[in-house]
């Protein structure tokens, strides 16, 4: 129950001691946080943390709190699901998610240009037009693609090498996850990082709660995990529709629609290639067993997924910031200076996290130090690659072209090396391939640094 606030003119007014204490306390905590961050910042970048950097890290830290809470809950879900469902059923769920990512590519093409252009908009009126126009495009395209996917289910399910039921679940997952991603994007544009963090955290909490509620001795299939994902994405997405209602209107601005579509067309091939990077699971399923897909995914979650989660915390603020920046060269140099520290800190941390995760997975999931090390190396390269790609994407259509080529290169390396190594050494081959598949586009993006730093 909220306390009743009384007027200062009343004789029984009592000053709020909690507020008078909390203000300096919050200030002291914030100052402590700055000091805590400034030491590694000065060590890595060889400069003092200025006001702009402090503001960036404040917004990033807000995302970090919610995302880390969400990540811990999601990791708990993954471990419980892997243990309860077993390698075969968990492998089927992993394949469903992989296929859904591919199906959702076209649905979300307008999100990156929406964030880029709306972040750089001068006022809310322009932001409303950009967000609303992008949302209308995404809604129409999603409806059309869903109809096409459903009509072509027999053919497409055979193409992916999965059952029609699994494919239909993938369509539903693609639609709901795209809706969730669309609703999260305006929070980044508007720098509402606390709301972004809370949405991430509560989505994970709902996911785990619904899964545990559905799970029983009679319901231990991949479908339980799928239904839980649907509910968690849909609930948070609908809440955000209400929260962002002033920015979501039935407006369609032709000028911005043309700019967004132009950017999307350049980015489309790269987005497709990036989505198809999950084809490694389909190849493992084709050359070995579904159970091996489950084991592969058991390594992937505490390594690549965790690395992408950490990157997502940073990029939630970084991409909008880079889109507005007039000195991308400084950002590029800072990324490069951070790389050695990422290697030293992330590789042993991720290997240790994988080891702990496999203890919880249970005896049905065999652990290999070699595979864990391959995944840890790949995870670090993924972070560097995503950093370069995000910086390039912030430039505009020229950067989008570069990112597209890098994604196609990654896919080409992944498939060509996987088809050789997976039949020979199984999961170890797929893990080793991840290193090459992420190293190649990283090297390419670095070679195009003149475009990355363009203002």
Protein backbone atom coordinates (compact mmCIF):
# COMPACT_ATOMS: atom_id res chain seq x y z
CA UNK A 1 0.00 0.00 0.00
CA UNK A 2 1.32 3.46 -0.93
CA UNK A 3 1.79 6.02 1.88
CA UNK A 4 -0.54 9.01 1.97
CA UNK A 5 1.33 12.21 1.10
CA UNK A 6 0.48 15.22 3.27
CA UNK A 7 0.87 18.91 2.46
CA UNK A 8 3.95 20.76 3.73
CA UNK A 9 1.59 23.46 5.10
CA UNK A 10 0.04 21.06 7.52
CA UNK A 11 1.25 21.15 11.11
CA UNK A 12 1.80 17.38 11.20
CA UNK A 13 4.18 17.32 8.19
CA UNK A 14 7.22 15.17 8.89
CA UNK A 15 10.26 15.31 6.57
CA UNK A 16 10.93 12.08 4.72
CA UNK A 17 14.21 10.94 6.23
CA UNK A 18 14.44 8.01 3.85
CA UNK A 19 14.50 10.35 0.86
CA UNK A 20 17.01 12.69 2.48
CA UNK A 21 19.32 9.75 3.07
CA UNK A 22 18.68 7.98 -0.24
CA UNK A 23 19.72 10.90 -2.45
CA UNK A 24 23.36 11.08 -1.24
CA UNK A 25 23.41 7.29 -0.98
CA UNK A 26 22.46 6.90 -4.65
CA UNK A 27 24.99 9.58 -5.60
CA UNK A 28 27.71 7.79 -3.63
CA UNK A 29 26.85 4.46 -5.22
CA UNK A 30 26.91 6.04 -8.67
CA UNK A 31 30.30 7.61 -7.94
CA UNK A 32 31.57 4.26 -6.69
CA UNK A 33 30.37 2.66 -9.92
CA UNK A 34 32.21 5.26 -12.00
CA UNK A 35 35.42 4.63 -10.08
CA UNK A 36 34.97 0.89 -10.48
CA UNK A 37 34.57 1.27 -14.25
CA UNK A 38 37.20 3.95 -14.74
CA UNK A 39 40.10 1.70 -13.71
CA UNK A 40 39.66 -0.94 -16.45
CA UNK A 41 38.55 1.79 -18.89
CA UNK A 42 41.78 3.75 -18.39
CA UNK A 43 43.83 0.54 -18.52
CA UNK A 44 42.34 -0.55 -21.85
CA UNK A 45 41.80 2.74 -23.65
CA UNK A 46 44.66 4.79 -22.13
CA UNK A 47 42.40 7.78 -21.40
CA UNK A 48 40.22 9.09 -18.61
CA UNK A 49 36.53 8.23 -18.62
CA UNK A 50 34.78 11.42 -19.69
CA UNK A 51 31.17 12.46 -19.21
CA UNK A 52 30.03 10.95 -22.51
CA UNK A 53 31.62 7.60 -21.70
CA UNK A 54 30.05 7.69 -18.22
CA UNK A 55 26.59 8.28 -19.68
CA UNK A 56 27.11 5.41 -22.12
CA UNK A 57 28.13 3.03 -19.35
CA UNK A 58 25.18 4.12 -17.19
CA UNK A 59 22.72 3.14 -19.91
CA UNK A 60 24.69 -0.05 -20.58
CA UNK A 61 24.73 -0.98 -16.88
CA UNK A 62 20.95 -0.60 -16.73
CA UNK A 63 20.63 -3.08 -19.58
CA UNK A 64 23.22 -5.33 -17.93
CA UNK A 65 21.28 -5.74 -14.69
CA UNK A 66 18.10 -6.88 -16.40
CA UNK A 67 19.88 -8.91 -19.05
CA UNK A 68 22.09 -10.73 -16.55
CA UNK A 69 19.07 -11.60 -14.43
CA UNK A 70 17.29 -12.77 -17.55
CA UNK A 71 20.36 -14.69 -18.71
CA UNK A 72 20.65 -16.55 -15.41
CA UNK A 73 16.98 -17.51 -15.55
CA UNK A 74 17.27 -18.51 -19.22
CA UNK A 75 20.35 -20.57 -18.43
CA UNK A 76 18.39 -22.28 -15.67
CA UNK A 77 15.61 -22.98 -18.18
CA UNK A 78 18.13 -24.40 -20.67
CA UNK A 79 19.75 -26.67 -18.09
CA UNK A 80 16.41 -27.88 -16.71
CA UNK A 81 15.03 -28.40 -20.23
CA UNK A 82 18.15 -30.25 -21.39
CA UNK A 83 18.09 -32.48 -18.32
CA UNK A 84 14.32 -33.11 -18.31
CA UNK A 85 13.85 -33.58 -22.06
CA UNK A 86 17.05 -35.48 -22.84
CA UNK A 87 19.37 -35.05 -25.86
CA UNK A 88 16.81 -36.19 -28.46
CA UNK A 89 13.92 -33.94 -27.43
CA UNK A 90 16.25 -31.04 -26.57
CA UNK A 91 17.85 -31.51 -29.98
CA UNK A 92 14.42 -31.27 -31.64
CA UNK A 93 13.72 -28.02 -29.78
CA UNK A 94 17.11 -26.67 -30.91
CA UNK A 95 16.33 -27.56 -34.53
CA UNK A 96 12.93 -25.84 -34.24
CA UNK A 97 14.56 -22.64 -33.00
CA UNK A 98 17.21 -22.83 -35.77
CA UNK A 99 14.57 -23.15 -38.51
CA UNK A 100 12.48 -20.35 -36.97
CA UNK A 101 15.47 -17.98 -37.09
CA UNK A 102 15.79 -18.63 -40.82
CA UNK A 103 12.05 -18.15 -41.39
CA UNK A 104 12.06 -14.88 -39.41
CA UNK A 105 14.80 -13.18 -41.45
CA UNK A 106 12.50 -11.35 -43.86
CA UNK A 107 10.05 -10.55 -41.08
CA UNK A 108 12.61 -8.45 -39.24
CA UNK A 109 14.50 -6.78 -42.10
CA UNK A 110 13.14 -3.32 -41.27
CA UNK A 111 14.28 -3.37 -37.63
CA UNK A 112 17.94 -2.38 -38.14
CA UNK A 113 17.16 0.62 -40.40
CA UNK A 114 14.36 1.62 -38.01
CA UNK A 115 16.83 1.77 -35.11
CA UNK A 116 19.47 3.57 -37.20
CA UNK A 117 17.24 6.29 -38.63
CA UNK A 118 15.00 6.79 -35.60
CA UNK A 119 18.03 7.03 -33.27
CA UNK A 120 19.36 9.90 -35.35
CA UNK A 121 15.99 11.66 -35.67
CA UNK A 122 15.83 15.22 -34.35
CA UNK A 123 12.44 15.02 -32.64
CA UNK A 124 9.70 12.64 -31.50
CA UNK A 125 7.41 13.43 -34.43
CA UNK A 126 9.97 12.02 -36.88
CA UNK A 127 10.64 9.04 -34.60
CA UNK A 128 6.91 8.24 -34.52
CA UNK A 129 6.76 8.26 -38.33
CA UNK A 130 9.83 6.00 -38.63
CA UNK A 131 8.74 3.52 -35.94
CA UNK A 132 5.15 3.40 -37.20
CA UNK A 133 6.17 3.00 -40.85
CA UNK A 134 8.61 0.21 -39.99
CA UNK A 135 6.01 -1.53 -37.84
CA UNK A 136 3.44 -1.48 -40.64
CA UNK A 137 6.00 -2.90 -43.09
CA UNK A 138 6.97 -5.66 -40.68
CA UNK A 139 3.33 -6.54 -39.90
CA UNK A 140 2.35 -6.80 -43.57
CA UNK A 141 5.44 -8.78 -44.52
CA UNK A 142 5.02 -11.14 -41.55
CA UNK A 143 1.39 -11.87 -42.48
CA UNK A 144 2.31 -12.57 -46.11
CA UNK A 145 5.29 -14.77 -45.23
CA UNK A 146 3.31 -16.74 -42.67
CA UNK A 147 0.69 -17.58 -45.30
CA UNK A 148 3.38 -18.65 -47.78
CA UNK A 149 5.19 -20.80 -45.22
CA UNK A 150 1.98 -22.57 -44.19
CA UNK A 151 0.98 -23.27 -47.81
CA UNK A 152 4.46 -24.63 -48.61
CA UNK A 153 4.85 -26.63 -45.39
CA UNK A 154 5.23 -30.08 -47.08
CA UNK A 155 7.93 -28.83 -49.45
CA UNK A 156 9.82 -26.66 -46.97
CA UNK A 157 9.77 -29.26 -44.18
CA UNK A 158 11.36 -31.77 -46.57
CA UNK A 159 13.95 -29.16 -47.55
CA UNK A 160 14.95 -28.67 -43.90
CA UNK A 161 14.79 -32.42 -43.24
CA UNK A 162 12.25 -32.12 -40.41
CA UNK A 163 8.65 -33.17 -39.81
CA UNK A 164 5.70 -30.98 -40.83
CA UNK A 165 4.72 -30.60 -37.16
CA UNK A 166 8.16 -29.31 -36.23
CA UNK A 167 8.08 -26.92 -39.18
CA UNK A 168 4.67 -25.50 -38.20
CA UNK A 169 5.94 -24.91 -34.68
CA UNK A 170 8.95 -23.12 -36.23
CA UNK A 171 6.61 -20.79 -38.14
CA UNK A 172 4.76 -19.88 -34.94
CA UNK A 173 8.05 -19.33 -33.09
CA UNK A 174 9.31 -17.08 -35.91
CA UNK A 175 6.18 -14.89 -35.84
CA UNK A 176 6.05 -14.49 -32.05
CA UNK A 177 9.79 -13.88 -31.62
CA UNK A 178 9.72 -11.30 -34.45
CA UNK A 179 6.84 -9.53 -32.70
CA UNK A 180 8.83 -9.48 -29.45
CA UNK A 181 11.95 -8.12 -31.20
CA UNK A 182 9.88 -5.42 -32.91
CA UNK A 183 8.46 -4.24 -29.60
CA UNK A 184 11.91 -4.20 -27.97
CA UNK A 185 13.50 -2.06 -30.71
CA UNK A 186 11.78 1.27 -29.84
CA UNK A 187 13.09 0.96 -26.27
CA UNK A 188 16.63 1.14 -27.65
CA UNK A 189 15.75 4.05 -29.92
CA UNK A 190 14.23 6.01 -27.02
CA UNK A 191 17.07 5.05 -24.64
CA UNK A 192 14.59 3.55 -22.21
CA UNK A 193 17.14 1.07 -20.95
CA UNK A 194 15.47 0.36 -17.63
CA UNK A 195 12.33 -0.77 -19.46
CA UNK A 196 14.49 -2.76 -21.89
CA UNK A 197 16.25 -4.48 -19.01
CA UNK A 198 13.00 -5.27 -17.19
CA UNK A 199 11.41 -6.67 -20.36
CA UNK A 200 14.39 -8.99 -20.90
CA UNK A 201 14.33 -10.17 -17.31
CA UNK A 202 10.58 -10.79 -17.11
CA UNK A 203 10.52 -12.60 -20.45
CA UNK A 204 13.02 -15.10 -19.04
CA UNK A 205 11.13 -15.43 -15.76
CA UNK A 206 7.86 -16.14 -17.59
CA UNK A 207 9.65 -18.65 -19.84
CA UNK A 208 10.95 -20.66 -16.89
CA UNK A 209 7.72 -20.39 -14.87
CA UNK A 210 5.51 -21.59 -17.72
CA UNK A 211 7.91 -24.42 -18.59
CA UNK A 212 7.92 -25.68 -15.00
CA UNK A 213 4.13 -25.37 -14.87
CA UNK A 214 3.70 -27.41 -18.08
CA UNK A 215 6.39 -29.98 -17.31
CA UNK A 216 5.18 -33.31 -15.99
CA UNK A 217 5.89 -37.02 -16.39
CA UNK A 218 3.38 -37.12 -19.26
CA UNK A 219 4.68 -33.95 -20.94
CA UNK A 220 8.41 -34.21 -21.53
CA UNK A 221 8.71 -33.25 -25.18
CA UNK A 222 10.20 -30.36 -27.11
CA UNK A 223 6.66 -28.98 -27.50
CA UNK A 224 6.58 -28.00 -23.81
CA UNK A 225 9.64 -25.78 -24.33
CA UNK A 226 8.08 -24.34 -27.50
CA UNK A 227 4.78 -23.42 -25.78
CA UNK A 228 6.69 -21.81 -22.92
CA UNK A 229 8.64 -19.65 -25.38
CA UNK A 230 5.45 -18.60 -27.16
CA UNK A 231 3.81 -17.45 -23.94
CA UNK A 232 6.85 -15.53 -22.65
CA UNK A 233 7.39 -13.61 -25.91
CA UNK A 234 3.69 -12.87 -26.42
CA UNK A 235 3.02 -11.60 -22.89
CA UNK A 236 5.95 -9.17 -22.83
CA UNK A 237 5.28 -8.10 -26.41
CA UNK A 238 1.65 -7.20 -25.62
CA UNK A 239 2.69 -5.28 -22.51
CA UNK A 240 5.13 -3.27 -24.62
CA UNK A 241 2.41 -2.49 -27.17
CA UNK A 242 0.54 -0.69 -24.37
CA UNK A 243 3.71 0.92 -23.00
CA UNK A 244 4.76 2.27 -26.43
CA UNK A 245 1.27 3.16 -27.68
CA UNK A 246 2.19 6.82 -28.29
CA UNK A 247 4.89 5.73 -30.76
CA UNK A 248 2.86 2.99 -32.49
CA UNK A 249 0.34 4.54 -34.84
CA UNK A 250 -1.28 3.59 -38.12
CA UNK A 251 0.99 5.90 -40.08
CA UNK A 252 2.84 5.11 -43.28
CA UNK A 253 5.33 7.69 -44.46
CA UNK A 254 6.45 7.05 -48.05
CA UNK A 255 9.72 8.93 -47.66
CA UNK A 256 10.84 6.86 -44.68
CA UNK A 257 9.39 3.68 -46.15
CA UNK A 258 11.61 4.13 -49.19
CA UNK A 259 14.73 4.73 -47.06
CA UNK A 260 13.98 1.76 -44.82
CA UNK A 261 13.31 -0.56 -47.78
CA UNK A 262 16.49 0.64 -49.53
CA UNK A 263 18.59 -0.17 -46.45
CA UNK A 264 16.77 -3.50 -46.01
CA UNK A 265 17.44 -4.60 -49.58
CA UNK A 266 21.18 -4.14 -49.09
CA UNK A 267 21.04 -5.93 -45.74
CA UNK A 268 18.75 -8.81 -46.83
CA UNK A 269 21.39 -11.19 -48.28
CA UNK A 270 23.56 -10.72 -45.20
CA UNK A 271 20.62 -11.27 -42.87
CA UNK A 272 19.76 -14.49 -44.69
CA UNK A 273 23.36 -15.67 -44.50
CA UNK A 274 23.57 -14.83 -40.79
CA UNK A 275 20.33 -16.70 -40.10
CA UNK A 276 21.54 -19.75 -42.03
CA UNK A 277 24.61 -19.95 -39.78
CA UNK A 278 22.38 -22.16 -37.65
CA UNK A 279 22.52 -24.70 -40.47
CA UNK A 280 25.32 -26.43 -38.52
CA UNK A 281 22.62 -28.07 -36.37
CA UNK A 282 20.81 -29.30 -39.47
CA UNK A 283 24.08 -30.70 -40.82
CA UNK A 284 24.82 -32.44 -37.52
CA UNK A 285 21.31 -33.92 -37.67
CA UNK A 286 21.87 -35.04 -41.26
CA UNK A 287 25.32 -36.57 -40.76
CA UNK A 288 24.95 -37.92 -37.20
CA UNK A 289 21.95 -37.99 -34.82
CA UNK A 290 19.38 -35.65 -33.27
CA UNK A 291 20.89 -36.46 -29.87
CA UNK A 292 24.19 -34.98 -31.06
CA UNK A 293 22.31 -31.78 -31.94
CA UNK A 294 21.17 -31.66 -28.32
CA UNK A 295 24.73 -32.16 -27.05
CA UNK A 296 26.08 -29.55 -29.48
CA UNK A 297 23.46 -27.09 -28.28
CA UNK A 298 24.41 -27.89 -24.68
CA UNK A 299 27.89 -26.48 -25.45
CA UNK A 300 26.50 -23.63 -27.52
CA UNK A 301 24.29 -22.19 -24.75
CA UNK A 302 26.95 -21.46 -22.08
CA UNK A 303 29.47 -20.28 -24.70
CA UNK A 304 28.19 -18.60 -27.88
CA UNK A 305 24.81 -17.71 -26.37
CA UNK A 306 26.43 -16.20 -23.28
CA UNK A 307 28.90 -14.25 -25.46
CA UNK A 308 26.03 -12.93 -27.59
CA UNK A 309 24.14 -12.03 -24.43
CA UNK A 310 27.11 -9.97 -23.20
CA UNK A 311 27.41 -8.39 -26.62
CA UNK A 312 23.67 -7.66 -26.63
CA UNK A 313 24.03 -5.75 -23.35
CA UNK A 314 26.68 -3.56 -24.95
CA UNK A 315 25.03 -3.25 -28.36
CA UNK A 316 21.67 -2.18 -26.95
CA UNK A 317 23.29 1.21 -26.40
CA UNK A 318 26.22 0.94 -28.81
CA UNK A 319 24.37 0.73 -32.15
CA UNK A 320 22.14 3.77 -31.52
CA UNK A 321 25.18 5.62 -30.15
CA UNK A 322 27.34 4.71 -33.16
CA UNK A 323 24.51 5.72 -35.53
CA UNK A 324 24.67 9.25 -34.09
CA UNK A 325 28.46 9.39 -33.67
CA UNK A 326 30.60 11.74 -35.70
CA UNK A 327 33.82 9.88 -34.84
CA UNK A 328 33.49 6.18 -35.63
CA UNK A 329 37.24 5.96 -36.00
CA UNK A 330 37.60 6.39 -32.23
CA UNK A 331 35.03 3.65 -31.66
CA UNK A 332 36.90 1.33 -34.04
CA UNK A 333 40.19 1.90 -32.20
CA UNK A 334 38.55 1.24 -28.85
CA UNK A 335 37.17 -2.08 -30.08
CA UNK A 336 40.64 -3.15 -31.21
CA UNK A 337 42.22 -2.16 -27.89
CA UNK A 338 39.66 -4.23 -26.01
CA UNK A 339 40.26 -7.45 -27.99
CA UNK A 340 43.29 -8.80 -26.00
CA UNK A 341 41.46 -8.22 -22.73
CA UNK A 342 38.39 -10.06 -24.10
CA UNK A 343 40.53 -13.08 -24.98
CA UNK A 344 42.22 -13.22 -21.58
CA UNK A 345 39.00 -12.79 -19.61
CA UNK A 346 36.36 -14.56 -21.71
CA UNK A 347 38.09 -17.77 -22.84
CA UNK A 348 38.80 -19.26 -19.38
CA UNK A 349 35.50 -17.90 -18.02
CA UNK A 350 33.45 -19.55 -20.76
CA UNK A 351 35.31 -22.87 -20.49
CA UNK A 352 34.60 -22.87 -16.76
CA UNK A 353 30.94 -22.00 -17.36
CA UNK A 354 30.61 -24.85 -19.86
CA UNK A 355 32.11 -27.27 -17.34
CA UNK A 356 29.66 -26.17 -14.63
CA UNK A 357 26.72 -26.36 -17.05
CA UNK A 358 27.55 -29.95 -18.00
CA UNK A 359 27.57 -30.97 -14.36
CA UNK A 360 23.95 -29.84 -14.17
CA UNK A 361 23.03 -31.35 -17.55
CA UNK A 362 23.63 -34.84 -16.18
CA UNK A 363 25.38 -37.99 -17.32
CA UNK A 364 23.55 -38.16 -20.66
CA UNK A 365 25.65 -35.19 -21.84
CA UNK A 366 29.35 -36.14 -22.15
CA UNK A 367 31.83 -33.29 -21.59
CA UNK A 368 35.00 -32.66 -23.62
CA UNK A 369 37.62 -30.05 -22.67
CA UNK A 370 38.70 -29.85 -26.30
CA UNK A 371 35.20 -29.02 -27.57
CA UNK A 372 34.66 -26.58 -24.70
CA UNK A 373 37.89 -24.75 -25.65
CA UNK A 374 36.85 -24.57 -29.32
CA UNK A 375 33.51 -23.04 -28.34
CA UNK A 376 35.21 -20.52 -26.01
CA UNK A 377 37.58 -19.34 -28.75
CA UNK A 378 34.67 -19.06 -31.19
CA UNK A 379 32.67 -17.06 -28.62
CA UNK A 380 35.36 -14.38 -28.34
CA UNK A 381 35.64 -14.10 -32.12
CA UNK A 382 31.85 -13.75 -32.34
CA UNK A 383 31.95 -10.72 -30.03
CA UNK A 384 34.66 -9.02 -32.12
CA UNK A 385 32.86 -9.86 -35.37
CA UNK A 386 29.56 -8.49 -34.06
CA UNK A 387 31.30 -5.32 -32.88
CA UNK A 388 32.72 -4.64 -36.33
CA UNK A 389 29.42 -5.53 -38.01
CA UNK A 390 27.42 -3.23 -35.75
CA UNK A 391 29.82 -0.36 -36.36
CA UNK A 392 29.59 -0.94 -40.12
CA UNK A 393 25.79 -1.13 -39.97
CA UNK A 394 25.65 2.24 -38.23
CA UNK A 395 27.24 3.88 -41.28
CA UNK A 396 24.25 3.28 -43.58
CA UNK A 397 23.76 1.41 -46.85
CA UNK A 398 27.49 1.26 -47.64
CA UNK A 399 28.11 -0.39 -44.28
CA UNK A 400 25.15 -2.72 -44.80
CA UNK A 401 26.76 -3.96 -48.05
CA UNK A 402 29.97 -4.79 -46.20
CA UNK A 403 28.09 -6.63 -43.44
CA UNK A 404 26.17 -8.59 -46.10
CA UNK A 405 29.37 -9.76 -47.77
CA UNK A 406 30.88 -10.73 -44.41
CA UNK A 407 27.79 -12.78 -43.49
CA UNK A 408 27.79 -14.58 -46.85
CA UNK A 409 31.50 -15.33 -46.35
CA UNK A 410 30.79 -16.75 -42.88
CA UNK A 411 28.05 -19.01 -44.24
CA UNK A 412 30.23 -20.24 -47.10
CA UNK A 413 33.05 -21.15 -44.71
CA UNK A 414 30.64 -22.78 -42.24
CA UNK A 415 29.00 -25.07 -44.78
CA UNK A 416 32.15 -25.98 -46.72
CA UNK A 417 34.13 -26.87 -43.59
CA UNK A 418 31.22 -28.52 -41.75
CA UNK A 419 30.47 -30.98 -44.56
CA UNK A 420 34.08 -32.13 -44.34
CA UNK A 421 34.68 -32.18 -40.57
CA UNK A 422 31.32 -33.33 -39.16
CA UNK A 423 31.39 -36.74 -40.94
CA UNK A 424 35.02 -37.16 -39.80
CA UNK A 425 35.01 -36.02 -36.16
CA UNK A 426 31.39 -35.20 -35.35
CA UNK A 427 30.64 -32.43 -32.83
CA UNK A 428 34.34 -31.57 -32.50
CA UNK A 429 34.37 -30.76 -36.20
CA UNK A 430 31.31 -28.53 -35.90
CA UNK A 431 32.88 -26.69 -32.95
CA UNK A 432 36.18 -26.19 -34.79
CA UNK A 433 34.27 -24.94 -37.84
CA UNK A 434 32.69 -22.19 -35.71
CA UNK A 435 36.14 -20.68 -35.20
CA UNK A 436 36.90 -20.51 -38.93
CA UNK A 437 33.37 -19.39 -39.82
CA UNK A 438 33.59 -16.38 -37.50
CA UNK A 439 37.26 -15.59 -38.06
CA UNK A 440 36.83 -15.15 -41.83
CA UNK A 441 34.17 -12.38 -41.67
CA UNK A 442 36.02 -10.69 -38.81
CA UNK A 443 39.17 -10.44 -40.93
CA UNK A 444 37.14 -9.19 -43.89
CA UNK A 445 35.41 -6.47 -41.83
CA UNK A 446 38.77 -5.37 -40.45
CA UNK A 447 40.12 -5.07 -43.99
CA UNK A 448 37.19 -2.73 -44.76
CA UNK A 449 37.94 -0.45 -41.82
CA UNK A 450 37.86 2.62 -44.08
CA UNK A 451 34.10 2.06 -44.43
CA UNK A 452 33.60 1.16 -40.77
CA UNK A 453 35.00 4.49 -39.60
CA UNK A 454 33.16 6.62 -42.17
CA UNK A 455 31.16 9.45 -40.58
